[in-house]
Protein backbone atom coordinates (compact mmCIF):
# COMPACT_ATOMS: atom_id res chain seq x y z
CA MET A 1 0.00 0.00 0.00
CA ASN A 2 1.47 3.36 -0.97
CA LYS A 3 1.53 6.46 1.23
CA LYS A 4 -1.53 8.02 -0.43
CA ASN A 5 -3.67 4.93 0.21
CA GLN A 6 -2.39 4.70 3.79
CA ALA A 7 -3.35 8.32 4.44
CA ALA A 8 -6.78 7.77 2.88
CA ALA A 9 -7.29 4.64 4.99
CA PHE A 10 -6.19 6.44 8.16
CA PHE A 11 -8.52 9.38 7.59
CA SER A 12 -11.66 7.40 6.83
CA ALA A 13 -15.09 8.95 7.27
CA ASP A 14 -15.44 7.30 10.70
CA ARG A 15 -12.17 8.75 11.93
CA ILE A 16 -13.02 12.22 10.66
CA ALA A 17 -16.41 11.96 12.39
CA ALA A 18 -14.65 10.82 15.58
CA LEU A 19 -12.30 13.80 15.47
CA LEU A 20 -15.24 16.18 14.92
CA LEU A 21 -17.11 14.53 17.80
CA LEU A 22 -14.08 14.91 20.06
CA LEU A 23 -13.76 18.58 19.07
CA VAL A 24 -17.43 19.31 19.81
CA VAL A 25 -17.30 17.38 23.10
CA ALA A 26 -14.13 19.23 24.13
CA LEU A 27 -15.79 22.59 23.43
CA TYR A 28 -18.90 21.48 25.29
CA GLY A 29 -16.78 20.36 28.27
CA TRP A 30 -14.84 23.62 28.23
CA GLU A 31 -18.00 25.72 28.32
CA GLY A 32 -19.69 23.39 30.83
CA ALA A 33 -16.77 23.75 33.21
CA LYS A 34 -17.42 27.50 33.36
CA LEU A 35 -20.90 27.01 34.88
CA THR A 36 -21.10 27.91 38.55
CA ALA A 37 -23.88 27.59 41.07
CA ALA A 38 -25.60 30.73 42.29
CA LEU A 39 -25.80 29.24 45.77
CA GLN A 40 -22.92 27.18 47.12
CA VAL A 41 -25.29 24.72 48.83
CA ASP A 42 -25.88 22.72 45.64
CA VAL A 43 -24.27 19.32 46.00
CA ILE A 44 -24.36 18.54 42.31
CA GLY A 45 -24.27 21.99 40.76
CA PRO A 46 -24.85 23.03 37.16
CA GLY A 47 -21.48 21.73 35.94
CA PHE A 48 -22.15 18.12 36.95
CA PHE A 49 -24.05 16.92 33.88
CA PRO A 50 -21.72 18.62 31.36
CA LYS A 51 -18.81 16.81 33.02
CA ILE A 52 -20.58 13.46 32.78
CA LEU A 53 -21.61 14.06 29.16
CA THR A 54 -18.09 15.19 28.28
CA ALA A 55 -16.57 12.03 29.75
CA ILE A 56 -19.05 9.83 27.87
CA GLY A 57 -18.53 11.79 24.65
CA VAL A 58 -14.74 11.52 24.86
CA MET A 59 -15.01 7.78 25.48
CA LEU A 60 -17.33 7.30 22.50
CA GLY A 61 -15.17 9.51 20.27
CA VAL A 62 -12.03 7.55 21.13
CA LEU A 63 -13.83 4.23 20.55
CA LEU A 64 -15.07 5.45 17.17
CA PHE A 65 -11.57 6.60 16.26
CA ILE A 66 -9.81 3.35 17.15
CA ARG A 67 -12.37 0.86 15.90
CA ARG A 68 -11.68 -1.22 12.83
CA SER A 69 -12.47 0.45 9.54
CA PRO A 70 -14.96 -1.44 7.38
CA ARG A 71 -13.59 -3.23 4.34
CA GLU A 72 -14.47 -2.13 0.82
CA GLY A 73 -17.02 -4.92 0.30
CA ASP A 74 -18.78 -4.17 3.59
CA ASP A 75 -19.67 -0.64 2.46
CA LYS A 76 -21.16 -1.90 -0.80
CA ASN A 77 -23.25 -4.56 0.95
CA ALA A 78 -24.44 -2.10 3.59
CA ALA A 79 -25.55 0.37 0.92
CA LYS A 80 -27.59 -2.32 -0.81
CA GLN A 81 -29.29 -3.55 2.37
CA GLY A 82 -30.96 -0.38 3.63
CA SER A 83 -32.48 2.78 2.37
CA ASP A 84 -32.40 6.35 3.59
CA LEU A 85 -35.89 6.01 5.07
CA VAL A 86 -34.83 3.06 7.21
CA ALA A 87 -31.95 5.12 8.56
CA LEU A 88 -34.41 7.80 9.69
CA ALA A 89 -36.46 5.39 11.83
CA PRO A 90 -34.54 6.12 15.08
CA LEU A 91 -35.21 9.82 14.54
CA ALA A 92 -38.92 9.06 14.20
CA PHE A 93 -38.78 6.96 17.39
CA LEU A 94 -37.12 9.83 19.24
CA LEU A 95 -39.67 12.35 17.98
CA ALA A 96 -42.55 10.09 19.04
CA TYR A 97 -40.90 9.65 22.46
CA VAL A 98 -40.55 13.40 23.00
CA LEU A 99 -44.18 13.99 22.00
CA ALA A 100 -45.45 11.16 24.24
CA LEU A 101 -43.31 11.97 27.28
CA GLU A 102 -45.65 14.48 28.91
CA PRO A 103 -49.10 12.92 28.24
CA VAL A 104 -48.07 9.26 28.64
CA GLY A 105 -45.47 9.84 31.34
CA PHE A 106 -41.79 9.09 31.73
CA PRO A 107 -42.02 5.44 32.86
CA LEU A 108 -44.31 4.18 30.09
CA ALA A 109 -42.94 6.37 27.30
CA THR A 110 -39.32 5.55 28.13
CA ALA A 111 -39.90 1.82 28.47
CA ALA A 112 -41.78 1.74 25.15
CA PHE A 113 -39.17 3.88 23.40
CA LEU A 114 -36.29 1.75 24.65
CA ALA A 115 -38.00 -1.56 23.84
CA ILE A 116 -38.85 -0.47 20.28
CA THR A 117 -35.39 0.99 19.74
CA PHE A 118 -33.63 -2.08 21.15
CA ARG A 119 -35.68 -4.35 18.91
CA TYR A 120 -35.06 -2.14 15.87
CA LEU A 121 -31.33 -2.17 16.55
CA GLY A 122 -31.26 -5.96 16.55
CA HIS A 123 -32.21 -7.26 19.98
CA PRO A 124 -33.17 -10.93 19.45
CA THR A 125 -36.61 -11.02 21.09
CA TRP A 126 -39.33 -8.63 22.17
CA LYS A 127 -39.43 -10.22 25.63
CA SER A 128 -35.74 -9.56 26.22
CA ALA A 129 -35.91 -6.05 24.75
CA LEU A 130 -38.88 -5.18 26.97
CA PHE A 131 -37.18 -6.63 30.05
CA HIS A 132 -34.04 -4.55 29.50
CA ALA A 133 -36.11 -1.44 28.74
CA VAL A 134 -38.14 -1.80 31.95
CA VAL A 135 -35.02 -2.37 34.07
CA ILE A 136 -33.23 0.65 32.60
CA THR A 137 -36.33 2.82 32.96
CA ALA A 138 -36.79 1.77 36.61
CA VAL A 139 -33.14 2.50 37.44
CA VAL A 140 -33.20 5.93 35.77
CA PHE A 141 -36.57 6.81 37.30
CA GLY A 142 -35.36 5.74 40.74
CA LEU A 143 -32.17 7.75 40.34
CA PHE A 144 -34.05 10.92 39.41
CA HIS A 145 -37.01 10.46 41.76
CA PHE A 146 -35.24 9.28 44.90
CA GLY A 147 -31.58 10.13 44.40
CA LEU A 148 -31.82 13.61 42.87
CA ASP A 149 -35.36 14.46 44.05
CA ILE A 150 -36.35 15.50 40.52
CA LYS A 151 -39.98 14.79 39.69
CA LEU A 152 -40.44 13.28 36.24
CA PRO A 153 -43.82 13.40 34.50
CA LEU A 154 -45.97 10.41 35.41
CA GLY A 155 -48.68 10.96 32.78
CA VAL A 156 -51.36 8.27 32.99
CA LEU A 157 -49.70 6.80 36.08
CA ALA A 158 -50.19 10.04 38.06
CA GLY A 159 -53.28 8.64 39.82
CA TRP A 160 -51.27 5.68 41.16
CA ALA A 161 -48.59 7.77 42.90
């Protein structure tokens, strides 16, 4: 392989996207670190979530950068398998989730969104996808409700609380 092909292989679309992701995450982390609490009694403070998201973003960016580049044949087969509309399905799921969050409530909307998304992304069975979605939803709800004392919308379950 000559130097031109090596450079082209090194700077694949995935690696360029990873570098852009790392740049955006670094800028986000830089600006998030500047946030300060108005009152010093906040345990978590406004800079907590930007720090967490920055750490996750850096981890994902590095993983995307170091992962194996797809071979030539893989790109051709992937292009034949799906269409642009199929690629937009997760966006439609997310839009439906956002619209259903308030009227349906966090627990039901999140569990449904996660189960449908897990199944769409290749989870083997609906039963397993639903189980994982319910567990994740319960953990996140418990964290926000009991740990952080942040009330999430209950929607149709409001009468049960």
